[in-house]
Amino acid sequence: MKLFTAILLSTILGYLLLVFGAFYGGLLAFGIILGILIRGLMLLNEIHKIMIGKAPKKSVLDEYLAERDRKERAAQFKM
């Protein structure tokens, strides 16, 4: 349904651009396309920062085993 809506809106926008004439329609189309490209690059940059900046997470099992070992060592130390 989203694809159909996007196609329908693009068709309407295309007809509107034709109504404005070659110069104004082309200028408006160029602005829309350039804005979409710049926004896409900004999103890719944010995704890149997220992917590079994060270290791999420890699994829940690894965290549980580490906590269990700490508790066992603390219990042995008290004896």
PDB file of N, CA and C in Angstrom:
ATOM      1  N   MET A   1       0.817  -1.177   0.000  1.00  0.00           N
ATOM      2  CA  MET A   1       0.000   0.000   0.000  1.00  0.00           C
ATOM      3  C   MET A   1       0.877   1.263   0.000  1.00  0.00           C
ATOM      4  N   LYS A   2       2.002   1.208   0.733  1.00  0.00           N
ATOM      5  CA  LYS A   2       2.894   2.365   0.755  1.00  0.00           C
ATOM      6  C   LYS A   2       3.492   2.619  -0.627  1.00  0.00           C
ATOM      7  N   LEU A   3       3.815   1.532  -1.323  1.00  0.00           N
ATOM      8  CA  LEU A   3       4.380   1.669  -2.668  1.00  0.00           C
ATOM      9  C   LEU A   3       3.360   2.317  -3.605  1.00  0.00           C
ATOM     10  N   PHE A   4       2.130   1.878  -3.540  1.00  0.00           N
ATOM     11  CA  PHE A   4       1.081   2.442  -4.386  1.00  0.00           C
ATOM     12  C   PHE A   4       0.878   3.926  -4.078  1.00  0.00           C
ATOM     13  N   THR A   5       0.879   4.276  -2.805  1.00  0.00           N
ATOM     14  CA  THR A   5       0.728   5.680  -2.410  1.00  0.00           C
ATOM     15  C   THR A   5       1.894   6.519  -2.928  1.00  0.00           C
ATOM     16  N   ALA A   6       3.113   5.986  -2.837  1.00  0.00           N
ATOM     17  CA  ALA A   6       4.284   6.709  -3.325  1.00  0.00           C
ATOM     18  C   ALA A   6       4.204   6.902  -4.841  1.00  0.00           C
ATOM     19  N   ILE A   7       3.761   5.888  -5.555  1.00  0.00           N
ATOM     20  CA  ILE A   7       3.624   5.996  -7.012  1.00  0.00           C
ATOM     21  C   ILE A   7       2.560   7.031  -7.368  1.00  0.00           C
ATOM     22  N   LEU A   8       1.451   6.994  -6.668  1.00  0.00           N
ATOM     23  CA  LEU A   8       0.368   7.939  -6.925  1.00  0.00           C
ATOM     24  C   LEU A   8       0.802   9.376  -6.644  1.00  0.00           C
ATOM     25  N   LEU A   9       1.462   9.602  -5.512  1.00  0.00           N
ATOM     26  CA  LEU A   9       1.930  10.948  -5.182  1.00  0.00           C
ATOM     27  C   LEU A   9       3.002  11.426  -6.160  1.00  0.00           C
ATOM     28  N   SER A  10       3.862  10.528  -6.597  1.00  0.00           N
ATOM     29  CA  SER A  10       4.881  10.901  -7.577  1.00  0.00           C
ATOM     30  C   SER A  10       4.259  11.287  -8.913  1.00  0.00           C
ATOM     31  N   THR A  11       3.224  10.585  -9.306  1.00  0.00           N
ATOM     32  CA  THR A  11       2.525  10.908 -10.550  1.00  0.00           C
ATOM     33  C   THR A  11       1.872  12.282 -10.458  1.00  0.00           C
ATOM     34  N   ILE A  12       1.219  12.549  -9.345  1.00  0.00           N
ATOM     35  CA  ILE A  12       0.590  13.862  -9.148  1.00  0.00           C
ATOM     36  C   ILE A  12       1.646  14.960  -9.146  1.00  0.00           C
ATOM     37  N   LEU A  13       2.757  14.737  -8.466  1.00  0.00           N
ATOM     38  CA  LEU A  13       3.836  15.712  -8.438  1.00  0.00           C
ATOM     39  C   LEU A  13       4.408  15.943  -9.839  1.00  0.00           C
ATOM     40  N   GLY A  14       4.532  14.894 -10.619  1.00  0.00           N
ATOM     41  CA  GLY A  14       5.015  15.027 -11.991  1.00  0.00           C
ATOM     42  C   GLY A  14       4.102  15.891 -12.845  1.00  0.00           C
ATOM     43  N   TYR A  15       2.792  15.663 -12.709  1.00  0.00           N
ATOM     44  CA  TYR A  15       1.840  16.500 -13.453  1.00  0.00           C
ATOM     45  C   TYR A  15       1.908  17.962 -13.001  1.00  0.00           C
ATOM     46  N   LEU A  16       2.054  18.199 -11.710  1.00  0.00           N
ATOM     47  CA  LEU A  16       2.175  19.564 -11.214  1.00  0.00           C
ATOM     48  C   LEU A  16       3.435  20.243 -11.742  1.00  0.00           C
ATOM     49  N   LEU A  17       4.516  19.486 -11.808  1.00  0.00           N
ATOM     50  CA  LEU A  17       5.759  20.056 -12.333  1.00  0.00           C
ATOM     51  C   LEU A  17       5.616  20.424 -13.807  1.00  0.00           C
ATOM     52  N   LEU A  18       4.852  19.626 -14.555  1.00  0.00           N
ATOM     53  CA  LEU A  18       4.614  19.955 -15.962  1.00  0.00           C
ATOM     54  C   LEU A  18       3.767  21.221 -16.108  1.00  0.00           C
ATOM     55  N   VAL A  19       2.835  21.418 -15.182  1.00  0.00           N
ATOM     56  CA  VAL A  19       1.980  22.590 -15.225  1.00  0.00           C
ATOM     57  C   VAL A  19       2.783  23.866 -14.962  1.00  0.00           C
ATOM     58  N   PHE A  20       3.774  23.797 -14.090  1.00  0.00           N
ATOM     59  CA  PHE A  20       4.577  24.970 -13.760  1.00  0.00           C
ATOM     60  C   PHE A  20       5.453  25.440 -14.919  1.00  0.00           C
ATOM     61  N   GLY A  21       5.673  24.599 -15.885  1.00  0.00           N
ATOM     62  CA  GLY A  21       6.526  24.972 -17.002  1.00  0.00           C
ATOM     63  C   GLY A  21       7.910  24.357 -16.851  1.00  0.00           C
ATOM     64  N   ALA A  22       8.693  24.503 -17.917  1.00  0.00           N
ATOM     65  CA  ALA A  22       9.995  23.837 -17.954  1.00  0.00           C
ATOM     66  C   ALA A  22      10.962  24.420 -16.931  1.00  0.00           C
ATOM     67  N   PHE A  23      11.041  25.732 -16.852  1.00  0.00           N
ATOM     68  CA  PHE A  23      12.039  26.336 -15.970  1.00  0.00           C
ATOM     69  C   PHE A  23      11.701  26.119 -14.493  1.00  0.00           C
ATOM     70  N   TYR A  24      10.507  26.526 -14.085  1.00  0.00           N
ATOM     71  CA  TYR A  24      10.129  26.413 -12.674  1.00  0.00           C
ATOM     72  C   TYR A  24       9.934  24.952 -12.249  1.00  0.00           C
ATOM     73  N   GLY A  25       9.378  24.155 -13.136  1.00  0.00           N
ATOM     74  CA  GLY A  25       9.208  22.732 -12.836  1.00  0.00           C
ATOM     75  C   GLY A  25      10.546  22.027 -12.698  1.00  0.00           C
ATOM     76  N   GLY A  26      11.475  22.360 -13.601  1.00  0.00           N
ATOM     77  CA  GLY A  26      12.812  21.760 -13.520  1.00  0.00           C
ATOM     78  C   GLY A  26      13.549  22.205 -12.276  1.00  0.00           C
ATOM     79  N   LEU A  27      13.410  23.470 -11.924  1.00  0.00           N
ATOM     80  CA  LEU A  27      14.054  23.994 -10.719  1.00  0.00           C
ATOM     81  C   LEU A  27      13.497  23.319  -9.471  1.00  0.00           C
ATOM     82  N   LEU A  28      12.186  23.163  -9.425  1.00  0.00           N
ATOM     83  CA  LEU A  28      11.549  22.501  -8.295  1.00  0.00           C
ATOM     84  C   LEU A  28      11.944  21.024  -8.222  1.00  0.00           C
ATOM     85  N   ALA A  29      11.966  20.345  -9.363  1.00  0.00           N
ATOM     86  CA  ALA A  29      12.357  18.929  -9.395  1.00  0.00           C
ATOM     87  C   ALA A  29      13.817  18.766  -8.962  1.00  0.00           C
ATOM     88  N   PHE A  30      14.682  19.677  -9.418  1.00  0.00           N
ATOM     89  CA  PHE A  30      16.086  19.615  -9.029  1.00  0.00           C
ATOM     90  C   PHE A  30      16.224  19.795  -7.518  1.00  0.00           C
ATOM     91  N   GLY A  31      15.473  20.729  -6.937  1.00  0.00           N
ATOM     92  CA  GLY A  31      15.520  20.946  -5.493  1.00  0.00           C
ATOM     93  C   GLY A  31      15.036  19.739  -4.713  1.00  0.00           C
ATOM     94  N   ILE A  32      13.977  19.097  -5.184  1.00  0.00           N
ATOM     95  CA  ILE A  32      13.452  17.908  -4.509  1.00  0.00           C
ATOM     96  C   ILE A  32      14.463  16.778  -4.553  1.00  0.00           C
ATOM     97  N   ILE A  33      15.025  16.521  -5.726  1.00  0.00           N
ATOM     98  CA  ILE A  33      15.985  15.426  -5.874  1.00  0.00           C
ATOM     99  C   ILE A  33      17.245  15.694  -5.062  1.00  0.00           C
ATOM    100  N   LEU A  34      17.746  16.926  -5.101  1.00  0.00           N
ATOM    101  CA  LEU A  34      18.944  17.266  -4.335  1.00  0.00           C
ATOM    102  C   LEU A  34      18.681  17.138  -2.837  1.00  0.00           C
ATOM    103  N   GLY A  35      17.517  17.561  -2.374  1.00  0.00           N
ATOM    104  CA  GLY A  35      17.167  17.430  -0.959  1.00  0.00           C
ATOM    105  C   GLY A  35      17.104  15.975  -0.519  1.00  0.00           C
ATOM    106  N   ILE A  36      16.538  15.122  -1.352  1.00  0.00           N
ATOM    107  CA  ILE A  36      16.458  13.696  -1.027  1.00  0.00           C
ATOM    108  C   ILE A  36      17.852  13.078  -0.970  1.00  0.00           C
ATOM    109  N   LEU A  37      18.706  13.434  -1.915  1.00  0.00           N
ATOM    110  CA  LEU A  37      20.070  12.897  -1.915  1.00  0.00           C
ATOM    111  C   LEU A  37      20.856  13.350  -0.688  1.00  0.00           C
ATOM    112  N   ILE A  38      20.737  14.614  -0.320  1.00  0.00           N
ATOM    113  CA  ILE A  38      21.461  15.113   0.853  1.00  0.00           C
ATOM    114  C   ILE A  38      20.947  14.442   2.119  1.00  0.00           C
ATOM    115  N   ARG A  39      19.633  14.275   2.251  1.00  0.00           N
ATOM    116  CA  ARG A  39      19.065  13.612   3.421  1.00  0.00           C
ATOM    117  C   ARG A  39      19.517  12.152   3.485  1.00  0.00           C
ATOM    118  N   GLY A  40      19.578  11.492   2.333  1.00  0.00           N
ATOM    119  CA  GLY A  40      20.060  10.111   2.301  1.00  0.00           C
ATOM    120  C   GLY A  40      21.503  10.004   2.738  1.00  0.00           C
ATOM    121  N   LEU A  41      22.339  10.945   2.322  1.00  0.00           N
ATOM    122  CA  LEU A  41      23.742  10.932   2.754  1.00  0.00           C
ATOM    123  C   LEU A  41      23.862  11.185   4.255  1.00  0.00           C
ATOM    124  N   MET A  42      23.030  12.068   4.781  1.00  0.00           N
ATOM    125  CA  MET A  42      23.058  12.317   6.219  1.00  0.00           C
ATOM    126  C   MET A  42      22.659  11.067   7.007  1.00  0.00           C
ATOM    127  N   LEU A  43      21.648  10.354   6.537  1.00  0.00           N
ATOM    128  CA  LEU A  43      21.227   9.119   7.207  1.00  0.00           C
ATOM    129  C   LEU A  43      22.304   8.046   7.122  1.00  0.00           C
ATOM    130  N   LEU A  44      22.952   7.927   5.957  1.00  0.00           N
ATOM    131  CA  LEU A  44      24.045   6.958   5.829  1.00  0.00           C
ATOM    132  C   LEU A  44      25.195   7.297   6.766  1.00  0.00           C
ATOM    133  N   ASN A  45      25.483   8.583   6.943  1.00  0.00           N
ATOM    134  CA  ASN A  45      26.540   8.996   7.852  1.00  0.00           C
ATOM    135  C   ASN A  45      26.192   8.631   9.291  1.00  0.00           C
ATOM    136  N   GLU A  46      24.932   8.824   9.698  1.00  0.00           N
ATOM    137  CA  GLU A  46      24.509   8.454  11.041  1.00  0.00           C
ATOM    138  C   GLU A  46      24.600   6.949  11.251  1.00  0.00           C
ATOM    139  N   ILE A  47      24.191   6.174  10.270  1.00  0.00           N
ATOM    140  CA  ILE A  47      24.275   4.713  10.368  1.00  0.00           C
ATOM    141  C   ILE A  47      25.736   4.289  10.473  1.00  0.00           C
ATOM    142  N   HIS A  48      26.600   4.918   9.706  1.00  0.00           N
ATOM    143  CA  HIS A  48      28.026   4.592   9.747  1.00  0.00           C
ATOM    144  C   HIS A  48      28.609   4.874  11.130  1.00  0.00           C
ATOM    145  N   LYS A  49      28.255   6.006  11.719  1.00  0.00           N
ATOM    146  CA  LYS A  49      28.752   6.340  13.052  1.00  0.00           C
ATOM    147  C   LYS A  49      28.286   5.319  14.082  1.00  0.00           C
ATOM    148  N   ILE A  50      27.042   4.876  13.962  1.00  0.00           N
ATOM    149  CA  ILE A  50      26.514   3.888  14.900  1.00  0.00           C
ATOM    150  C   ILE A  50      27.226   2.557  14.727  1.00  0.00           C
ATOM    151  N   MET A  51      27.442   2.149  13.478  1.00  0.00           N
ATOM    152  CA  MET A  51      28.062   0.851  13.219  1.00  0.00           C
ATOM    153  C   MET A  51      29.523   0.821  13.677  1.00  0.00           C
ATOM    154  N   ILE A  52      30.256   1.893  13.477  1.00  0.00           N
ATOM    155  CA  ILE A  52      31.669   1.928  13.824  1.00  0.00           C
ATOM    156  C   ILE A  52      31.863   2.154  15.319  1.00  0.00           C
ATOM    157  N   GLY A  53      31.037   2.972  15.927  1.00  0.00           N
ATOM    158  CA  GLY A  53      31.237   3.392  17.305  1.00  0.00           C
ATOM    159  C   GLY A  53      30.934   2.344  18.357  1.00  0.00           C
ATOM    160  N   LYS A  54      30.146   1.362  18.060  1.00  0.00           N
ATOM    161  CA  LYS A  54      29.738   0.408  19.079  1.00  0.00           C
ATOM    162  C   LYS A  54      30.617  -0.838  19.046  1.00  0.00           C
ATOM    163  N   ALA A  55      31.023  -1.258  20.227  1.00  0.00           N
ATOM    164  CA  ALA A  55      31.760  -2.514  20.359  1.00  0.00           C
ATOM    165  C   ALA A  55      30.744  -3.657  20.394  1.00  0.00           C
ATOM    166  N   PRO A  56      31.175  -4.838  20.013  1.00  0.00           N
ATOM    167  CA  PRO A  56      30.234  -5.959  20.056  1.00  0.00           C
ATOM    168  C   PRO A  56      29.758  -6.217  21.485  1.00  0.00           C
ATOM    169  N   LYS A  57      28.476  -6.468  21.623  1.00  0.00           N
ATOM    170  CA  LYS A  57      27.891  -6.697  22.939  1.00  0.00           C
ATOM    171  C   LYS A  57      28.224  -8.102  23.424  1.00  0.00           C
ATOM    172  N   LYS A  58      28.363  -8.208  24.748  1.00  0.00           N
ATOM    173  CA  LYS A  58      28.523  -9.536  25.334  1.00  0.00           C
ATOM    174  C   LYS A  58      27.162 -10.223  25.342  1.00  0.00           C
ATOM    175  N   SER A  59      27.186 -11.498  25.210  1.00  0.00           N
ATOM    176  CA  SER A  59      25.918 -12.221  25.248  1.00  0.00           C
ATOM    177  C   SER A  59      25.431 -12.303  26.695  1.00  0.00           C
ATOM    178  N   VAL A  60      24.178 -12.588  26.849  1.00  0.00           N
ATOM    179  CA  VAL A  60      23.578 -12.696  28.180  1.00  0.00           C
ATOM    180  C   VAL A  60      24.229 -13.845  28.941  1.00  0.00           C
ATOM    181  N   LEU A  61      24.545 -14.916  28.245  1.00  0.00           N
ATOM    182  CA  LEU A  61      25.182 -16.056  28.893  1.00  0.00           C
ATOM    183  C   LEU A  61      26.554 -15.668  29.439  1.00  0.00           C
ATOM    184  N   ASP A  62      27.345 -14.929  28.666  1.00  0.00           N
ATOM    185  CA  ASP A  62      28.658 -14.498  29.136  1.00  0.00           C
ATOM    186  C   ASP A  62      28.541 -13.612  30.370  1.00  0.00           C
ATOM    187  N   GLU A  63      27.563 -12.702  30.373  1.00  0.00           N
ATOM    188  CA  GLU A  63      27.359 -11.838  31.538  1.00  0.00           C
ATOM    189  C   GLU A  63      26.954 -12.660  32.758  1.00  0.00           C
ATOM    190  N   TYR A  64      26.083 -13.647  32.558  1.00  0.00           N
ATOM    191  CA  TYR A  64      25.641 -14.491  33.666  1.00  0.00           C
ATOM    192  C   TYR A  64      26.811 -15.285  34.238  1.00  0.00           C
ATOM    193  N   LEU A  65      27.624 -15.876  33.365  1.00  0.00           N
ATOM    194  CA  LEU A  65      28.757 -16.664  33.833  1.00  0.00           C
ATOM    195  C   LEU A  65      29.769 -15.803  34.584  1.00  0.00           C
ATOM    196  N   ALA A  66      30.024 -14.606  34.113  1.00  0.00           N
ATOM    197  CA  ALA A  66      30.959 -13.717  34.798  1.00  0.00           C
ATOM    198  C   ALA A  66      30.425 -13.331  36.173  1.00  0.00           C
ATOM    199  N   GLU A  67      29.127 -13.041  36.266  1.00  0.00           N
ATOM    200  CA  GLU A  67      28.536 -12.688  37.560  1.00  0.00           C
ATOM    201  C   GLU A  67      28.567 -13.870  38.515  1.00  0.00           C
ATOM    202  N   ARG A  68      28.300 -15.072  38.014  1.00  0.00           N
ATOM    203  CA  ARG A  68      28.323 -16.273  38.847  1.00  0.00           C
ATOM    204  C   ARG A  68      29.726 -16.527  39.385  1.00  0.00           C
ATOM    205  N   ASP A  69      30.739 -16.341  38.535  1.00  0.00           N
ATOM    206  CA  ASP A  69      32.123 -16.534  38.977  1.00  0.00           C
ATOM    207  C   ASP A  69      32.510 -15.520  40.058  1.00  0.00           C
ATOM    208  N   ARG A  70      32.071 -14.279  39.897  1.00  0.00           N
ATOM    209  CA  ARG A  70      32.363 -13.261  40.918  1.00  0.00           C
ATOM    210  C   ARG A  70      31.726 -13.639  42.251  1.00  0.00           C
ATOM    211  N   LYS A  71      30.488 -14.120  42.217  1.00  0.00           N
ATOM    212  CA  LYS A  71      29.807 -14.512  43.444  1.00  0.00           C
ATOM    213  C   LYS A  71      30.480 -15.719  44.093  1.00  0.00           C
ATOM    214  N   GLU A  72      30.937 -16.677  43.303  1.00  0.00           N
ATOM    215  CA  GLU A  72      31.618 -17.854  43.845  1.00  0.00           C
ATOM    216  C   GLU A  72      32.936 -17.458  44.498  1.00  0.00           C
ATOM    217  N   ARG A  73      33.683 -16.561  43.866  1.00  0.00           N
ATOM    218  CA  ARG A  73      34.946 -16.104  44.436  1.00  0.00           C
ATOM    219  C   ARG A  73      34.707 -15.332  45.732  1.00  0.00           C
ATOM    220  N   ALA A  74      33.643 -14.544  45.774  1.00  0.00           N
ATOM    221  CA  ALA A  74      33.331 -13.793  46.984  1.00  0.00           C
ATOM    222  C   ALA A  74      32.917 -14.745  48.100  1.00  0.00           C
ATOM    223  N   ALA A  75      32.170 -15.803  47.773  1.00  0.00           N
ATOM    224  CA  ALA A  75      31.762 -16.771  48.795  1.00  0.00           C
ATOM    225  C   ALA A  75      32.967 -17.547  49.312  1.00  0.00           C
ATOM    226  N   GLN A  76      33.925 -17.892  48.461  1.00  0.00           N
ATOM    227  CA  GLN A  76      35.124 -18.604  48.886  1.00  0.00           C
ATOM    228  C   GLN A  76      36.025 -17.696  49.735  1.00  0.00           C
ATOM    229  N   PHE A  77      36.031 -16.420  49.450  1.00  0.00           N
ATOM    230  CA  PHE A  77      36.858 -15.489  50.185  1.00  0.00           C
ATOM    231  C   PHE A  77      36.369 -15.333  51.630  1.00  0.00           C
ATOM    232  N   LYS A  78      35.030 -15.416  51.828  1.00  0.00           N
ATOM    233  CA  LYS A  78      34.452 -15.269  53.149  1.00  0.00           C
ATOM    234  C   LYS A  78      34.771 -16.456  54.037  1.00  0.00           C
ATOM    235  N   MET A  79      34.998 -17.635  53.483  1.00  0.00           N
ATOM    236  CA  MET A  79      35.249 -18.830  54.268  1.00  0.00           C
ATOM    237  C   MET A  79      36.570 -18.770  54.888  1.00  0.00           C
TER     238      MET A  79
END
